[in-house]
Amino acid sequence: MAIQMIQIGELSRRTGCNIETIRYYERIGLLPIPPHRGRYRSYGSDDVARLGFVQRARELGFTLDEVRALLALAAGGQTSCAEVRDLATSHLKDVRVRIADLSRMEKILADAVLACDAGQDPGCPLLDTLYAEPAVGQENQP
């Protein structure tokens, strides 16, 4: 059975990934540079699967370097499962920190919007919030 080769537009359609993003992933080494048929790039099923892997990892918030590491570990087979778990554990910790930061931001913004809705302050509560000095221990916190 012959391997079906597709052009970049079809790869984009199948994966939902922008053509420029595909080219970028090729430039930085997340996707291999495909062979050309004439002046067109030709992609196979392995490229579709690899791009899907990259997209799912990015959707989970993994950085490009982490995706690169995951791809390298995926090539290593079962022996690298513990390393993947370690990377995922570290990423999960970062996600939880971002969730906590977002929760703090949500509360501050919600309070400011409520104050705006109340209309009791002569100024703008949201702008006042942005000008306010951060609380002690919150200087670099969102």
C-alpha atoms as a PDB file:
ATOM      1  CA  MET A   1       0.000   0.000   0.000  1.00  0.00           C
ATOM      2  CA  ALA A   2       1.430   3.382  -1.017  1.00  0.00           C
ATOM      3  CA  ILE A   3       1.912   6.096   1.566  1.00  0.00           C
ATOM      4  CA  GLN A   4      -0.392   9.031   0.851  1.00  0.00           C
ATOM      5  CA  MET A   5       1.460  12.329   0.792  1.00  0.00           C
ATOM      6  CA  ILE A   6      -0.355  15.619   1.348  1.00  0.00           C
ATOM      7  CA  GLN A   7       0.517  19.269   0.879  1.00  0.00           C
ATOM      8  CA  ILE A   8       0.770  21.828   3.665  1.00  0.00           C
ATOM      9  CA  GLY A   9      -2.743  23.169   3.052  1.00  0.00           C
ATOM     10  CA  GLU A  10      -4.214  19.710   3.602  1.00  0.00           C
ATOM     11  CA  LEU A  11      -2.055  19.206   6.702  1.00  0.00           C
ATOM     12  CA  SER A  12      -3.403  22.497   8.012  1.00  0.00           C
ATOM     13  CA  ARG A  13      -6.986  21.474   7.258  1.00  0.00           C
ATOM     14  CA  ARG A  14      -6.629  18.047   8.879  1.00  0.00           C
ATOM     15  CA  THR A  15      -5.054  19.377  12.053  1.00  0.00           C
ATOM     16  CA  GLY A  16      -6.612  22.825  12.311  1.00  0.00           C
ATOM     17  CA  CYS A  17      -3.116  24.283  12.599  1.00  0.00           C
ATOM     18  CA  ASN A  18      -2.313  27.517  10.772  1.00  0.00           C
ATOM     19  CA  ILE A  19       0.082  27.141   7.831  1.00  0.00           C
ATOM     20  CA  GLU A  20       2.443  29.781   9.240  1.00  0.00           C
ATOM     21  CA  THR A  21       2.510  27.912  12.560  1.00  0.00           C
ATOM     22  CA  ILE A  22       3.421  24.695  10.731  1.00  0.00           C
ATOM     23  CA  ARG A  23       6.281  26.494   8.986  1.00  0.00           C
ATOM     24  CA  TYR A  24       7.396  27.977  12.308  1.00  0.00           C
ATOM     25  CA  TYR A  25       7.401  24.538  13.952  1.00  0.00           C
ATOM     26  CA  GLU A  26       9.575  23.316  11.074  1.00  0.00           C
ATOM     27  CA  ARG A  27      12.019  26.227  11.493  1.00  0.00           C
ATOM     28  CA  ILE A  28      12.462  25.557  15.223  1.00  0.00           C
ATOM     29  CA  GLY A  29      12.736  21.790  14.792  1.00  0.00           C
ATOM     30  CA  LEU A  30       9.449  20.591  16.336  1.00  0.00           C
ATOM     31  CA  LEU A  31       8.446  19.224  12.942  1.00  0.00           C
ATOM     32  CA  PRO A  32      10.931  17.795  10.482  1.00  0.00           C
ATOM     33  CA  ILE A  33      11.414  19.646   7.195  1.00  0.00           C
ATOM     34  CA  PRO A  34       9.386  17.550   4.764  1.00  0.00           C
ATOM     35  CA  PRO A  35      10.568  16.411   1.355  1.00  0.00           C
ATOM     36  CA  HIS A  36       9.417  18.462  -1.606  1.00  0.00           C
ATOM     37  CA  ARG A  37       7.503  17.273  -4.640  1.00  0.00           C
ATOM     38  CA  GLY A  38       8.408  19.932  -7.109  1.00  0.00           C
ATOM     39  CA  ARG A  39       7.930  23.179  -5.228  1.00  0.00           C
ATOM     40  CA  TYR A  40       5.433  21.776  -2.703  1.00  0.00           C
ATOM     41  CA  ARG A  41       6.122  20.237   0.680  1.00  0.00           C
ATOM     42  CA  SER A  42       4.866  16.666   1.024  1.00  0.00           C
ATOM     43  CA  TYR A  43       3.638  15.435   4.401  1.00  0.00           C
ATOM     44  CA  GLY A  44       2.729  11.927   5.492  1.00  0.00           C
ATOM     45  CA  SER A  45       0.682  10.370   8.272  1.00  0.00           C
ATOM     46  CA  ASP A  46       3.641  10.596  10.696  1.00  0.00           C
ATOM     47  CA  ASP A  47       3.685  14.358  10.194  1.00  0.00           C
ATOM     48  CA  VAL A  48      -0.060  14.586  10.887  1.00  0.00           C
ATOM     49  CA  ALA A  49       0.394  12.564  14.096  1.00  0.00           C
ATOM     50  CA  ARG A  50       3.443  14.568  15.236  1.00  0.00           C
ATOM     51  CA  LEU A  51       1.712  17.896  14.607  1.00  0.00           C
ATOM     52  CA  GLY A  52      -1.309  16.638  16.557  1.00  0.00           C
ATOM     53  CA  PHE A  53       1.002  15.717  19.436  1.00  0.00           C
ATOM     54  CA  VAL A  54       2.594  19.189  19.377  1.00  0.00           C
ATOM     55  CA  GLN A  55      -0.797  20.909  19.299  1.00  0.00           C
ATOM     56  CA  ARG A  56      -2.202  18.870  22.195  1.00  0.00           C
ATOM     57  CA  ALA A  57       0.918  19.543  24.268  1.00  0.00           C
ATOM     58  CA  ARG A  58       0.657  23.286  23.506  1.00  0.00           C
ATOM     59  CA  GLU A  59      -3.064  23.242  24.412  1.00  0.00           C
ATOM     60  CA  LEU A  60      -2.046  21.821  27.797  1.00  0.00           C
ATOM     61  CA  GLY A  61       0.287  24.779  28.220  1.00  0.00           C
ATOM     62  CA  PHE A  62       3.630  23.070  27.681  1.00  0.00           C
ATOM     63  CA  THR A  63       6.324  25.460  26.469  1.00  0.00           C
ATOM     64  CA  LEU A  64       8.045  24.865  23.149  1.00  0.00           C
ATOM     65  CA  ASP A  65      11.126  23.566  24.992  1.00  0.00           C
ATOM     66  CA  GLU A  66       8.941  21.202  27.034  1.00  0.00           C
ATOM     67  CA  VAL A  67       7.255  19.980  23.839  1.00  0.00           C
ATOM     68  CA  ARG A  68      10.686  19.368  22.341  1.00  0.00           C
ATOM     69  CA  ALA A  69      11.633  17.360  25.442  1.00  0.00           C
ATOM     70  CA  LEU A  70       8.391  15.381  25.296  1.00  0.00           C
ATOM     71  CA  LEU A  71       8.992  14.539  21.642  1.00  0.00           C
ATOM     72  CA  ALA A  72      12.494  13.329  22.483  1.00  0.00           C
ATOM     73  CA  LEU A  73      11.136  11.244  25.356  1.00  0.00           C
ATOM     74  CA  ALA A  74       8.379   9.827  23.144  1.00  0.00           C
ATOM     75  CA  ALA A  75      11.064   8.546  20.802  1.00  0.00           C
ATOM     76  CA  GLY A  76      12.656   6.751  23.770  1.00  0.00           C
ATOM     77  CA  GLY A  77       9.786   4.324  24.337  1.00  0.00           C
ATOM     78  CA  GLN A  78       8.565   3.037  27.712  1.00  0.00           C
ATOM     79  CA  THR A  79      11.879   3.586  29.485  1.00  0.00           C
ATOM     80  CA  SER A  80      11.253   7.323  29.517  1.00  0.00           C
ATOM     81  CA  CYS A  81       7.831   7.213  31.215  1.00  0.00           C
ATOM     82  CA  ALA A  82       9.242   8.348  34.577  1.00  0.00           C
ATOM     83  CA  GLU A  83      10.910  11.334  32.909  1.00  0.00           C
ATOM     84  CA  VAL A  84       7.622  12.274  31.221  1.00  0.00           C
ATOM     85  CA  ARG A  85       5.887  12.029  34.606  1.00  0.00           C
ATOM     86  CA  ASP A  86       8.518  14.293  36.166  1.00  0.00           C
ATOM     87  CA  LEU A  87       8.090  16.857  33.401  1.00  0.00           C
ATOM     88  CA  ALA A  88       4.293  16.691  33.717  1.00  0.00           C
ATOM     89  CA  THR A  89       4.503  17.020  37.511  1.00  0.00           C
ATOM     90  CA  SER A  90       6.629  20.148  37.189  1.00  0.00           C
ATOM     91  CA  HIS A  91       4.238  21.569  34.600  1.00  0.00           C
ATOM     92  CA  LEU A  92       1.232  20.773  36.807  1.00  0.00           C
ATOM     93  CA  LYS A  93       2.846  22.736  39.652  1.00  0.00           C
ATOM     94  CA  ASP A  94       3.283  25.725  37.318  1.00  0.00           C
ATOM     95  CA  VAL A  95      -0.344  25.445  36.159  1.00  0.00           C
ATOM     96  CA  ARG A  96      -1.577  25.437  39.751  1.00  0.00           C
ATOM     97  CA  VAL A  97       0.465  28.577  40.508  1.00  0.00           C
ATOM     98  CA  ARG A  98      -1.050  30.289  37.453  1.00  0.00           C
ATOM     99  CA  ILE A  99      -4.555  29.238  38.530  1.00  0.00           C
ATOM    100  CA  ALA A 100      -3.968  30.785  41.952  1.00  0.00           C
ATOM    101  CA  ASP A 101      -2.676  33.974  40.299  1.00  0.00           C
ATOM    102  CA  LEU A 102      -5.703  34.082  37.998  1.00  0.00           C
ATOM    103  CA  SER A 103      -8.043  33.597  40.954  1.00  0.00           C
ATOM    104  CA  ARG A 104      -6.443  36.582  42.719  1.00  0.00           C
ATOM    105  CA  MET A 105      -6.742  38.671  39.560  1.00  0.00           C
ATOM    106  CA  GLU A 106     -10.372  37.630  39.129  1.00  0.00           C
ATOM    107  CA  LYS A 107     -11.222  38.765  42.663  1.00  0.00           C
ATOM    108  CA  ILE A 108      -9.505  42.130  42.252  1.00  0.00           C
ATOM    109  CA  LEU A 109     -11.210  42.765  38.910  1.00  0.00           C
ATOM    110  CA  ALA A 110     -14.605  41.571  40.150  1.00  0.00           C
ATOM    111  CA  ASP A 111     -14.373  43.882  43.174  1.00  0.00           C
ATOM    112  CA  ALA A 112     -13.382  46.815  40.940  1.00  0.00           C
ATOM    113  CA  VAL A 113     -16.258  46.145  38.516  1.00  0.00           C
ATOM    114  CA  LEU A 114     -18.725  45.940  41.421  1.00  0.00           C
ATOM    115  CA  ALA A 115     -17.416  49.244  42.740  1.00  0.00           C
ATOM    116  CA  CYS A 116     -17.855  50.751  39.254  1.00  0.00           C
ATOM    117  CA  ASP A 117     -21.417  49.400  39.087  1.00  0.00           C
ATOM    118  CA  ALA A 118     -22.209  50.945  42.484  1.00  0.00           C
ATOM    119  CA  GLY A 119     -21.256  54.355  41.110  1.00  0.00           C
ATOM    120  CA  GLN A 120     -20.665  55.802  44.574  1.00  0.00           C
ATOM    121  CA  ASP A 121     -17.063  56.874  44.046  1.00  0.00           C
ATOM    122  CA  PRO A 122     -16.448  60.171  42.244  1.00  0.00           C
ATOM    123  CA  GLY A 123     -13.510  58.629  40.337  1.00  0.00           C
ATOM    124  CA  CYS A 124     -13.138  55.319  38.614  1.00  0.00           C
ATOM    125  CA  PRO A 125     -12.614  52.400  41.017  1.00  0.00           C
ATOM    126  CA  LEU A 126     -10.889  50.286  38.375  1.00  0.00           C
ATOM    127  CA  LEU A 127      -8.361  53.005  37.587  1.00  0.00           C
ATOM    128  CA  ASP A 128      -7.905  53.618  41.310  1.00  0.00           C
ATOM    129  CA  THR A 129      -7.172  49.896  41.733  1.00  0.00           C
ATOM    130  CA  LEU A 130      -4.529  50.032  39.008  1.00  0.00           C
ATOM    131  CA  TYR A 131      -2.876  53.058  40.638  1.00  0.00           C
ATOM    132  CA  ALA A 132      -2.979  51.542  44.146  1.00  0.00           C
ATOM    133  CA  GLU A 133       0.214  50.411  45.812  1.00  0.00           C
ATOM    134  CA  PRO A 134       0.468  46.605  45.975  1.00  0.00           C
ATOM    135  CA  ALA A 135      -0.069  45.004  49.353  1.00  0.00           C
ATOM    136  CA  VAL A 136       3.066  43.932  51.212  1.00  0.00           C
ATOM    137  CA  GLY A 137       4.218  40.605  49.793  1.00  0.00           C
ATOM    138  CA  GLN A 138       2.230  41.164  46.599  1.00  0.00           C
ATOM    139  CA  GLU A 139       4.675  43.471  44.787  1.00  0.00           C
ATOM    140  CA  ASN A 140       5.308  41.060  41.912  1.00  0.00           C
ATOM    141  CA  GLN A 141       1.988  39.274  42.079  1.00  0.00           C
ATOM    142  CA  PRO A 142      -0.695  39.827  39.439  1.00  0.00           C
END
